[in-house]
N, C-alpha and C. Protein backbone atom coordinates (compact mmCIF):
# COMPACT_ATOMS: atom_id res chain seq x y z
N VAL A 1 -23.01 -2.64 -44.73
CA VAL A 1 -24.04 -1.78 -44.18
C VAL A 1 -25.08 -2.77 -43.62
N LEU A 2 -25.42 -2.73 -42.33
CA LEU A 2 -26.57 -3.50 -41.82
C LEU A 2 -27.67 -2.55 -41.62
N ALA A 3 -28.84 -2.88 -42.37
CA ALA A 3 -29.94 -2.01 -42.15
C ALA A 3 -31.25 -2.89 -42.42
N THR A 4 -32.22 -2.53 -41.70
CA THR A 4 -33.65 -3.20 -41.94
C THR A 4 -34.38 -2.60 -43.20
N PRO A 5 -35.24 -3.22 -43.73
CA PRO A 5 -36.19 -2.62 -44.60
C PRO A 5 -36.84 -1.40 -44.12
N LEU A 6 -37.29 -1.44 -42.82
CA LEU A 6 -37.92 -0.21 -42.22
C LEU A 6 -36.93 0.92 -42.25
N GLN A 7 -35.70 0.80 -41.83
CA GLN A 7 -34.74 1.71 -41.73
C GLN A 7 -34.51 2.32 -43.14
N ILE A 8 -34.46 1.45 -44.09
CA ILE A 8 -34.22 2.01 -45.51
C ILE A 8 -35.36 2.78 -45.89
N VAL A 9 -36.64 2.27 -45.81
CA VAL A 9 -37.74 3.07 -46.28
C VAL A 9 -37.91 4.33 -45.54
N ARG A 10 -37.54 4.42 -44.31
CA ARG A 10 -37.61 5.66 -43.45
C ARG A 10 -36.67 6.69 -44.16
N LEU A 11 -35.49 6.25 -44.34
CA LEU A 11 -34.42 7.13 -45.02
C LEU A 11 -35.05 7.66 -46.42
N LEU A 12 -35.55 6.80 -47.17
CA LEU A 12 -35.89 7.16 -48.53
C LEU A 12 -37.07 8.14 -48.37
N ALA A 13 -38.05 7.87 -47.51
CA ALA A 13 -39.15 8.85 -47.19
C ALA A 13 -38.72 10.13 -46.83
N ALA A 14 -37.71 10.13 -46.03
CA ALA A 14 -37.00 11.61 -45.48
C ALA A 14 -36.55 12.26 -46.62
N ILE A 15 -35.92 11.54 -47.45
CA ILE A 15 -35.26 12.20 -48.76
C ILE A 15 -36.34 12.81 -49.58
N GLY A 16 -37.38 11.98 -49.73
CA GLY A 16 -38.49 12.46 -50.59
C GLY A 16 -39.32 13.63 -49.92
N ASN A 17 -39.37 13.68 -48.59
CA ASN A 17 -40.22 14.71 -48.06
C ASN A 17 -39.55 15.92 -47.55
N GLY A 18 -38.20 16.01 -48.01
CA GLY A 18 -37.44 17.34 -47.66
C GLY A 18 -36.57 17.09 -46.52
N GLY A 19 -36.38 15.97 -46.01
CA GLY A 19 -35.43 15.79 -44.90
C GLY A 19 -36.14 15.40 -43.64
N ARG A 20 -37.32 15.37 -43.48
CA ARG A 20 -38.05 14.92 -42.16
C ARG A 20 -38.05 13.57 -41.89
N LEU A 21 -37.55 13.02 -40.83
CA LEU A 21 -37.56 11.60 -40.40
C LEU A 21 -38.81 11.49 -39.63
N VAL A 22 -39.78 10.85 -40.23
CA VAL A 22 -41.03 10.60 -39.61
C VAL A 22 -41.11 9.25 -38.79
N GLN A 23 -41.63 9.40 -37.59
CA GLN A 23 -41.81 8.18 -36.78
C GLN A 23 -42.61 7.25 -37.48
N PRO A 24 -42.17 5.94 -37.61
CA PRO A 24 -43.08 4.83 -38.21
C PRO A 24 -44.24 4.61 -37.31
N ARG A 25 -45.30 4.19 -38.00
CA ARG A 25 -46.53 3.79 -37.34
C ARG A 25 -47.28 2.94 -38.12
N LEU A 26 -48.01 2.05 -37.42
CA LEU A 26 -48.77 0.86 -37.94
C LEU A 26 -50.15 1.23 -38.30
N VAL A 27 -50.70 2.31 -37.73
CA VAL A 27 -52.13 2.54 -38.04
C VAL A 27 -52.24 4.11 -38.51
N ASP A 28 -52.80 4.25 -39.57
CA ASP A 28 -53.09 5.57 -40.12
C ASP A 28 -54.23 6.23 -39.61
N ARG A 29 -55.28 5.42 -39.48
CA ARG A 29 -56.66 5.87 -39.03
C ARG A 29 -57.46 4.80 -38.38
N VAL A 30 -58.37 5.06 -37.69
CA VAL A 30 -59.30 4.05 -37.14
C VAL A 30 -60.74 4.63 -37.38
N LEU A 31 -61.55 3.80 -37.95
CA LEU A 31 -62.90 4.07 -38.18
C LEU A 31 -63.85 3.40 -37.22
N HIS A 32 -64.43 4.16 -36.35
CA HIS A 32 -65.21 3.58 -35.28
C HIS A 32 -66.50 3.10 -35.79
N VAL A 33 -67.27 2.21 -35.07
CA VAL A 33 -68.51 1.64 -35.42
C VAL A 33 -69.56 2.81 -35.58
N ASP A 34 -69.43 3.92 -34.78
CA ASP A 34 -70.45 4.88 -34.81
C ASP A 34 -70.16 5.88 -36.18
N GLY A 35 -69.19 5.53 -36.92
CA GLY A 35 -68.94 6.31 -38.08
C GLY A 35 -67.80 7.36 -38.00
N THR A 36 -67.55 7.67 -36.74
CA THR A 36 -66.46 8.68 -36.54
C THR A 36 -65.02 8.09 -36.82
N GLU A 37 -64.19 9.06 -37.30
CA GLU A 37 -62.96 8.63 -37.60
C GLU A 37 -61.79 9.23 -36.85
N GLN A 38 -60.86 8.45 -36.46
CA GLN A 38 -59.77 8.99 -35.72
C GLN A 38 -58.48 8.90 -36.49
N ILE A 39 -57.81 9.99 -36.91
CA ILE A 39 -56.67 10.15 -37.82
C ILE A 39 -55.47 10.39 -37.00
N PHE A 40 -54.45 9.50 -37.19
CA PHE A 40 -53.09 9.72 -36.55
C PHE A 40 -52.20 10.52 -37.50
N GLU A 41 -51.97 11.69 -37.10
CA GLU A 41 -51.08 12.56 -37.93
C GLU A 41 -49.62 12.10 -37.87
N PRO A 42 -48.81 12.29 -38.87
CA PRO A 42 -47.32 11.89 -38.84
C PRO A 42 -46.67 12.62 -37.71
N VAL A 43 -45.75 12.09 -37.12
CA VAL A 43 -44.83 12.65 -36.14
C VAL A 43 -43.44 12.72 -36.63
N VAL A 44 -42.90 13.95 -36.72
CA VAL A 44 -41.54 14.10 -37.14
C VAL A 44 -40.74 13.97 -36.02
N ALA A 45 -39.85 12.96 -36.15
CA ALA A 45 -38.91 12.65 -34.91
C ALA A 45 -37.61 13.32 -34.97
N ASP A 46 -37.26 13.74 -36.30
CA ASP A 46 -35.78 14.26 -36.40
C ASP A 46 -35.77 14.88 -37.86
N THR A 47 -34.70 15.47 -38.30
CA THR A 47 -34.49 15.86 -39.58
C THR A 47 -33.04 15.26 -40.02
N LEU A 48 -32.95 15.12 -41.42
CA LEU A 48 -31.54 14.66 -41.82
C LEU A 48 -30.66 15.88 -41.78
N PRO A 49 -29.37 15.58 -41.26
CA PRO A 49 -28.38 16.60 -41.31
C PRO A 49 -27.67 16.75 -42.61
N ILE A 50 -28.43 17.46 -43.51
CA ILE A 50 -27.97 17.58 -44.92
C ILE A 50 -28.41 18.96 -45.47
N LEU A 51 -27.63 19.48 -46.20
CA LEU A 51 -27.77 20.86 -46.88
C LEU A 51 -28.89 20.64 -47.96
N PRO A 52 -29.67 21.65 -48.26
CA PRO A 52 -30.76 21.47 -49.21
C PRO A 52 -30.22 21.26 -50.64
N GLU A 53 -29.13 21.80 -50.86
CA GLU A 53 -28.61 21.58 -52.29
C GLU A 53 -28.06 20.09 -52.35
N ASN A 54 -27.60 19.52 -51.31
CA ASN A 54 -27.27 18.05 -51.39
C ASN A 54 -28.32 17.16 -51.35
N LEU A 55 -29.36 17.58 -50.79
CA LEU A 55 -30.68 16.70 -50.69
C LEU A 55 -31.34 16.76 -52.20
N ALA A 56 -31.25 18.00 -52.77
CA ALA A 56 -31.71 18.05 -54.15
C ALA A 56 -31.00 17.24 -55.05
N LEU A 57 -29.63 17.20 -54.97
CA LEU A 57 -28.77 16.21 -55.77
C LEU A 57 -29.14 14.79 -55.66
N ILE A 58 -29.24 14.29 -54.38
CA ILE A 58 -29.67 13.01 -54.11
C ILE A 58 -31.07 12.66 -54.70
N ARG A 59 -32.03 13.46 -54.53
CA ARG A 59 -33.29 13.29 -55.14
C ARG A 59 -33.23 13.16 -56.71
N GLY A 60 -32.43 13.97 -57.23
CA GLY A 60 -32.31 13.89 -58.67
C GLY A 60 -31.62 12.66 -59.19
N SER A 61 -30.65 12.18 -58.39
CA SER A 61 -29.92 11.06 -58.65
C SER A 61 -30.86 9.70 -58.51
N LEU A 62 -31.75 9.71 -57.39
CA LEU A 62 -32.53 8.68 -57.20
C LEU A 62 -33.77 8.65 -58.38
N GLU A 63 -34.05 9.78 -58.94
CA GLU A 63 -35.08 9.72 -60.16
C GLU A 63 -34.29 9.02 -61.36
N GLU A 64 -33.05 9.46 -61.46
CA GLU A 64 -32.24 8.89 -62.57
C GLU A 64 -32.19 7.36 -62.55
N ILE A 65 -32.14 6.79 -61.44
CA ILE A 65 -32.14 5.27 -61.31
C ILE A 65 -33.48 4.71 -61.95
N THR A 66 -34.45 5.41 -61.88
CA THR A 66 -35.71 4.84 -62.52
C THR A 66 -36.08 5.27 -63.91
N SER A 67 -35.38 6.41 -64.26
CA SER A 67 -35.86 6.98 -65.57
C SER A 67 -34.64 7.34 -66.49
N GLY A 68 -33.45 7.41 -65.85
CA GLY A 68 -32.44 7.99 -66.75
C GLY A 68 -31.88 6.79 -67.52
N ALA A 69 -31.16 7.34 -68.75
CA ALA A 69 -30.64 6.50 -69.73
C ALA A 69 -29.71 5.33 -69.14
N ARG A 70 -28.99 5.56 -68.04
CA ARG A 70 -28.21 4.53 -67.46
C ARG A 70 -28.70 4.11 -66.14
N GLY A 71 -29.95 4.31 -65.86
CA GLY A 71 -30.67 4.00 -64.51
C GLY A 71 -30.74 2.49 -64.42
N THR A 72 -30.31 1.92 -63.36
CA THR A 72 -30.26 0.35 -63.10
C THR A 72 -31.72 -0.18 -63.07
N ALA A 73 -32.68 0.69 -62.76
CA ALA A 73 -34.10 0.28 -62.56
C ALA A 73 -34.96 0.71 -63.76
N ARG A 74 -34.47 1.41 -64.81
CA ARG A 74 -35.34 1.98 -65.89
C ARG A 74 -36.18 0.99 -66.48
N ASN A 75 -35.74 -0.17 -66.77
CA ASN A 75 -36.68 -1.15 -67.41
C ASN A 75 -37.77 -1.53 -66.58
N ALA A 76 -37.73 -1.62 -65.30
CA ALA A 76 -38.81 -1.93 -64.51
C ALA A 76 -39.98 -0.80 -64.56
N PHE A 77 -39.57 0.54 -64.76
CA PHE A 77 -40.41 1.60 -64.72
C PHE A 77 -40.82 2.16 -66.18
N GLU A 78 -40.41 1.49 -67.16
CA GLU A 78 -40.57 1.86 -68.58
C GLU A 78 -42.22 2.02 -68.78
N GLY A 79 -42.56 3.11 -69.22
CA GLY A 79 -44.08 3.40 -69.62
C GLY A 79 -44.85 3.80 -68.48
N ILE A 80 -44.27 4.12 -67.25
CA ILE A 80 -45.00 4.43 -65.99
C ILE A 80 -45.47 5.90 -66.34
N SER A 81 -46.68 6.34 -65.72
CA SER A 81 -47.22 7.55 -66.07
C SER A 81 -46.94 8.60 -64.91
N TYR A 82 -46.11 8.21 -64.02
CA TYR A 82 -45.75 9.27 -62.95
C TYR A 82 -44.23 9.01 -62.62
N THR A 83 -43.63 9.88 -61.96
CA THR A 83 -42.14 9.82 -61.50
C THR A 83 -41.96 9.06 -60.28
N VAL A 84 -41.00 8.32 -60.32
CA VAL A 84 -40.58 7.35 -59.17
C VAL A 84 -39.16 7.71 -58.92
N ALA A 85 -38.69 7.77 -57.60
CA ALA A 85 -37.43 7.82 -57.20
C ALA A 85 -37.01 6.56 -56.26
N GLY A 86 -35.86 6.12 -56.69
CA GLY A 86 -35.52 4.97 -55.78
C GLY A 86 -34.04 4.30 -55.89
N LYS A 87 -33.77 3.27 -55.31
CA LYS A 87 -32.42 2.78 -55.29
C LYS A 87 -32.52 1.26 -55.35
N THR A 88 -31.83 0.67 -56.32
CA THR A 88 -31.70 -0.79 -56.38
C THR A 88 -30.71 -1.26 -55.39
N GLY A 89 -30.67 -2.53 -55.05
CA GLY A 89 -29.66 -3.21 -54.18
C GLY A 89 -29.57 -4.63 -54.46
N THR A 90 -28.41 -5.24 -54.42
CA THR A 90 -28.17 -6.61 -54.61
C THR A 90 -27.14 -6.95 -53.42
N ALA A 91 -27.48 -7.69 -52.58
CA ALA A 91 -26.78 -8.04 -51.34
C ALA A 91 -26.34 -9.54 -51.33
N GLU A 92 -24.96 -9.64 -51.12
CA GLU A 92 -24.48 -11.08 -51.03
C GLU A 92 -25.34 -11.80 -49.96
N SER A 93 -25.70 -13.17 -50.28
CA SER A 93 -26.31 -13.90 -49.29
C SER A 93 -25.72 -15.05 -48.65
N GLY A 94 -24.53 -15.35 -49.41
CA GLY A 94 -23.78 -16.58 -48.92
C GLY A 94 -24.42 -17.78 -49.58
N GLN A 95 -25.54 -17.64 -50.40
CA GLN A 95 -26.07 -18.72 -51.13
C GLN A 95 -26.00 -18.48 -52.54
N GLU A 96 -26.49 -19.21 -53.45
CA GLU A 96 -26.47 -19.13 -54.92
C GLU A 96 -26.87 -17.77 -55.50
N GLU A 97 -28.06 -17.33 -54.92
CA GLU A 97 -28.63 -16.01 -55.35
C GLU A 97 -28.54 -14.99 -54.38
N PRO A 98 -28.25 -13.78 -54.65
CA PRO A 98 -28.16 -12.64 -53.65
C PRO A 98 -29.46 -12.23 -53.28
N HIS A 99 -29.51 -11.41 -52.29
CA HIS A 99 -30.76 -10.67 -51.86
C HIS A 99 -31.05 -9.64 -52.73
N ALA A 100 -32.30 -9.40 -53.19
CA ALA A 100 -32.64 -8.34 -54.01
C ALA A 100 -33.48 -7.31 -53.24
N TRP A 101 -32.93 -5.96 -53.57
CA TRP A 101 -33.48 -4.79 -52.83
C TRP A 101 -34.06 -3.72 -53.85
N PHE A 102 -35.09 -3.23 -53.55
CA PHE A 102 -35.49 -1.84 -54.16
C PHE A 102 -36.32 -1.18 -53.18
N ALA A 103 -35.88 0.13 -53.02
CA ALA A 103 -36.63 1.08 -52.21
C ALA A 103 -36.82 2.34 -52.73
N GLY A 104 -37.85 2.99 -52.60
CA GLY A 104 -38.10 4.35 -53.13
C GLY A 104 -39.40 5.07 -52.73
N TYR A 105 -39.71 6.12 -53.46
CA TYR A 105 -40.95 6.79 -53.21
C TYR A 105 -41.55 7.39 -54.41
N ALA A 106 -42.81 7.70 -54.40
CA ALA A 106 -43.48 8.21 -55.52
C ALA A 106 -44.76 9.01 -55.22
N PRO A 107 -45.12 9.89 -56.02
CA PRO A 107 -44.62 10.44 -57.08
C PRO A 107 -43.44 11.19 -56.62
N ALA A 108 -42.42 11.12 -57.38
CA ALA A 108 -40.97 11.76 -56.99
C ALA A 108 -41.07 13.29 -56.71
N ASP A 109 -42.02 14.05 -57.32
CA ASP A 109 -42.00 15.44 -57.19
C ASP A 109 -42.74 15.72 -55.90
N GLU A 110 -43.83 14.95 -55.52
CA GLU A 110 -44.62 15.28 -54.40
C GLU A 110 -44.95 13.81 -53.81
N PRO A 111 -43.95 13.10 -53.03
CA PRO A 111 -44.33 11.83 -52.69
C PRO A 111 -45.51 11.66 -51.62
N THR A 112 -46.14 10.58 -51.87
CA THR A 112 -47.23 10.29 -50.99
C THR A 112 -47.08 8.81 -50.41
N VAL A 113 -45.93 8.06 -50.82
CA VAL A 113 -45.74 6.71 -50.32
C VAL A 113 -44.27 6.47 -50.61
N ALA A 114 -43.63 5.66 -49.55
CA ALA A 114 -42.37 5.17 -49.59
C ALA A 114 -42.52 3.78 -49.43
N ILE A 115 -41.71 2.92 -50.31
CA ILE A 115 -41.80 1.60 -50.06
C ILE A 115 -40.48 0.75 -50.18
N ALA A 116 -40.25 -0.14 -49.44
CA ALA A 116 -39.00 -1.05 -49.53
C ALA A 116 -39.38 -2.54 -49.81
N VAL A 117 -38.67 -2.96 -50.77
CA VAL A 117 -38.85 -4.42 -51.15
C VAL A 117 -37.60 -5.09 -50.94
N MET A 118 -37.49 -6.15 -50.21
CA MET A 118 -36.41 -7.00 -50.02
C MET A 118 -36.83 -8.45 -50.14
N LEU A 119 -36.13 -9.08 -51.08
CA LEU A 119 -36.42 -10.58 -51.36
C LEU A 119 -35.14 -11.21 -51.16
N GLU A 120 -35.29 -12.30 -50.16
CA GLU A 120 -34.14 -13.19 -49.90
C GLU A 120 -33.77 -14.21 -50.96
N GLU A 121 -32.46 -14.18 -51.25
CA GLU A 121 -31.99 -15.20 -52.26
C GLU A 121 -32.89 -15.18 -53.56
N ALA A 122 -33.10 -14.03 -54.01
CA ALA A 122 -33.93 -13.90 -55.25
C ALA A 122 -33.36 -13.36 -56.48
N GLY A 123 -32.34 -12.87 -56.39
CA GLY A 123 -31.50 -12.24 -57.57
C GLY A 123 -31.19 -10.90 -57.36
N GLU A 124 -31.12 -10.18 -58.57
CA GLU A 124 -30.74 -8.71 -58.73
C GLU A 124 -31.86 -7.90 -58.35
N GLY A 125 -31.64 -6.75 -57.58
CA GLY A 125 -32.60 -5.77 -57.22
C GLY A 125 -33.35 -5.14 -58.32
N SER A 126 -32.59 -4.91 -59.48
CA SER A 126 -33.25 -4.26 -60.56
C SER A 126 -34.19 -5.17 -61.46
N LYS A 127 -33.93 -6.51 -61.36
CA LYS A 127 -34.74 -7.53 -62.09
C LYS A 127 -35.79 -8.08 -61.31
N VAL A 128 -35.76 -8.11 -60.01
CA VAL A 128 -36.67 -8.78 -59.21
C VAL A 128 -37.53 -7.85 -58.20
N ALA A 129 -36.69 -7.06 -57.48
CA ALA A 129 -37.36 -6.25 -56.40
C ALA A 129 -38.12 -5.00 -57.03
N ALA A 130 -37.44 -4.55 -58.07
CA ALA A 130 -37.95 -3.23 -58.67
C ALA A 130 -39.33 -3.45 -59.32
N PRO A 131 -39.56 -4.61 -60.20
CA PRO A 131 -40.82 -4.89 -60.59
C PRO A 131 -41.89 -5.10 -59.68
N LEU A 132 -41.48 -5.80 -58.48
CA LEU A 132 -42.42 -5.93 -57.50
C LEU A 132 -42.81 -4.64 -56.77
N PHE A 133 -41.79 -3.79 -56.55
CA PHE A 133 -42.00 -2.49 -56.04
C PHE A 133 -43.10 -1.78 -56.93
N ARG A 134 -43.00 -1.79 -58.30
CA ARG A 134 -43.91 -1.16 -59.20
C ARG A 134 -45.27 -1.64 -58.98
N GLN A 135 -45.42 -3.04 -58.87
CA GLN A 135 -46.79 -3.66 -58.61
C GLN A 135 -47.30 -3.19 -57.32
N VAL A 136 -46.69 -3.13 -56.20
CA VAL A 136 -47.22 -2.57 -54.96
C VAL A 136 -47.50 -1.14 -54.97
N LEU A 137 -46.69 -0.38 -55.69
CA LEU A 137 -46.92 1.18 -55.94
C LEU A 137 -48.17 1.29 -56.60
N GLU A 138 -48.33 0.67 -57.77
CA GLU A 138 -49.52 0.89 -58.65
C GLU A 138 -50.80 0.34 -57.83
N ALA A 139 -50.77 -0.61 -57.09
CA ALA A 139 -51.96 -1.09 -56.15
C ALA A 139 -52.24 0.01 -55.10
N PHE A 140 -51.21 0.48 -54.51
CA PHE A 140 -51.34 1.63 -53.48
C PHE A 140 -51.97 3.02 -54.23
N LEU A 141 -51.47 3.40 -55.26
CA LEU A 141 -51.91 4.51 -56.01
C LEU A 141 -53.32 4.43 -56.50
N GLU A 142 -53.77 3.21 -56.98
CA GLU A 142 -55.01 2.97 -57.18
C GLU A 142 -55.94 2.98 -56.05
N TRP A 143 -55.48 2.37 -54.89
CA TRP A 143 -56.43 2.55 -53.66
C TRP A 143 -56.44 3.89 -53.28
N GLU A 144 -55.37 4.66 -53.29
CA GLU A 144 -55.36 6.10 -52.80
C GLU A 144 -56.25 6.87 -53.67
N ALA A 145 -56.29 6.70 -54.92
CA ALA A 145 -57.25 7.44 -55.86
C ALA A 145 -58.69 7.28 -55.44
N GLY A 146 -58.99 6.03 -55.01
CA GLY A 146 -60.35 5.65 -54.67
C GLY A 146 -60.74 6.31 -53.40
N GLN A 147 -59.83 6.70 -52.59
CA GLN A 147 -60.03 7.28 -51.27
C GLN A 147 -60.44 8.73 -51.40
N THR A 148 -60.35 9.31 -52.55
CA THR A 148 -60.55 10.81 -52.53
C THR A 148 -61.92 11.00 -53.17
């Protein structure tokens, strides 16, 4: 499978938000010097062609990866105070170490953020990318809490 981190995070975001493929954007809002704010609302470009019961199964499976007894990323999310859904990945690189992936969204029940981490020639996704995902996620959620 050939996919970019943006394609993967867009897919995971769509799974988390009920199947809506949101158009990527670089700017969420602009704060003008006069104090007014311009907010750019999400644009739904398409929907995933998947039955709701299948989407629910996929969402549950993604949560099991981070919290289930056999989840490949459970160690990276041990003791976390909210639910995370995601997928680990380890891709052959042709070098000594594989590429490490982790992509997911949180909180799993009502996602506000989707993140993809890909580290070239860094090792296994569950050991390298998932812990970095957690750090980025915690920083985002802390920032988000300060915005309200």
